[in-house]
Amino acid sequence: MRRLFGVLPGPAPVRVLLMIILFAVGLVALGFLFDAAGDLLDNGGTIG
């Protein structure tokens, strides 16, 4: 985390904003990954 923070350009407030943006993009990408994995693994059966 610190290494990534040090690599980002700009002053500290800009770096913090970039970290927040990167974190949000990562969460969205993770959501799409889980959604795709759920569609791939779903056998189409019913519950119960």
Protein backbone atom coordinates (compact mmCIF):
# COMPACT_ATOMS: atom_id res chain seq x y z
CA MET A 1 0.00 0.00 0.00
CA ARG A 2 2.74 2.43 0.92
CA ARG A 3 4.71 1.52 -2.18
CA LEU A 4 1.70 2.23 -4.39
CA PHE A 5 1.06 5.52 -2.54
CA GLY A 6 4.67 6.55 -3.11
CA VAL A 7 4.52 5.80 -6.85
CA LEU A 8 1.42 7.91 -7.47
CA PRO A 9 2.05 11.41 -8.85
CA GLY A 10 1.15 14.69 -7.18
CA PRO A 11 0.87 16.02 -3.64
CA ALA A 12 -0.60 13.98 -0.78
CA PRO A 13 -4.28 15.04 -1.19
CA VAL A 14 -4.19 14.09 -4.88
CA ARG A 15 -2.61 10.75 -4.01
CA VAL A 16 -5.33 10.04 -1.46
CA LEU A 17 -8.02 10.85 -4.05
CA LEU A 18 -6.32 8.58 -6.59
CA MET A 19 -6.14 5.76 -4.02
CA ILE A 20 -9.87 6.11 -3.33
CA ILE A 21 -10.63 6.02 -7.06
CA LEU A 22 -8.40 2.97 -7.57
CA PHE A 23 -10.06 1.21 -4.64
CA ALA A 24 -13.55 1.91 -6.05
CA VAL A 25 -12.53 0.67 -9.50
CA GLY A 26 -11.09 -2.48 -7.90
CA LEU A 27 -14.34 -3.15 -6.05
CA VAL A 28 -16.37 -2.74 -9.24
CA ALA A 29 -14.01 -5.08 -11.10
CA LEU A 30 -14.29 -7.61 -8.27
CA GLY A 31 -18.08 -7.40 -8.44
CA PHE A 32 -18.03 -8.10 -12.18
CA LEU A 33 -15.66 -11.00 -11.59
CA PHE A 34 -17.94 -12.58 -8.99
CA ASP A 35 -20.98 -12.00 -11.22
CA ALA A 36 -19.25 -13.68 -14.16
CA ALA A 37 -18.11 -16.58 -11.97
CA GLY A 38 -21.66 -17.01 -10.63
CA ASP A 39 -23.06 -17.14 -14.17
CA LEU A 40 -20.37 -19.62 -15.19
CA LEU A 41 -20.91 -21.92 -12.21
CA ASP A 42 -24.72 -21.77 -12.17
CA ASN A 43 -26.21 -25.06 -13.29
CA GLY A 44 -29.69 -23.60 -13.82
CA GLY A 45 -31.32 -25.78 -11.15
CA THR A 46 -33.92 -24.68 -8.66
CA ILE A 47 -33.58 -24.30 -4.93
CA GLY A 48 -35.70 -26.59 -2.79
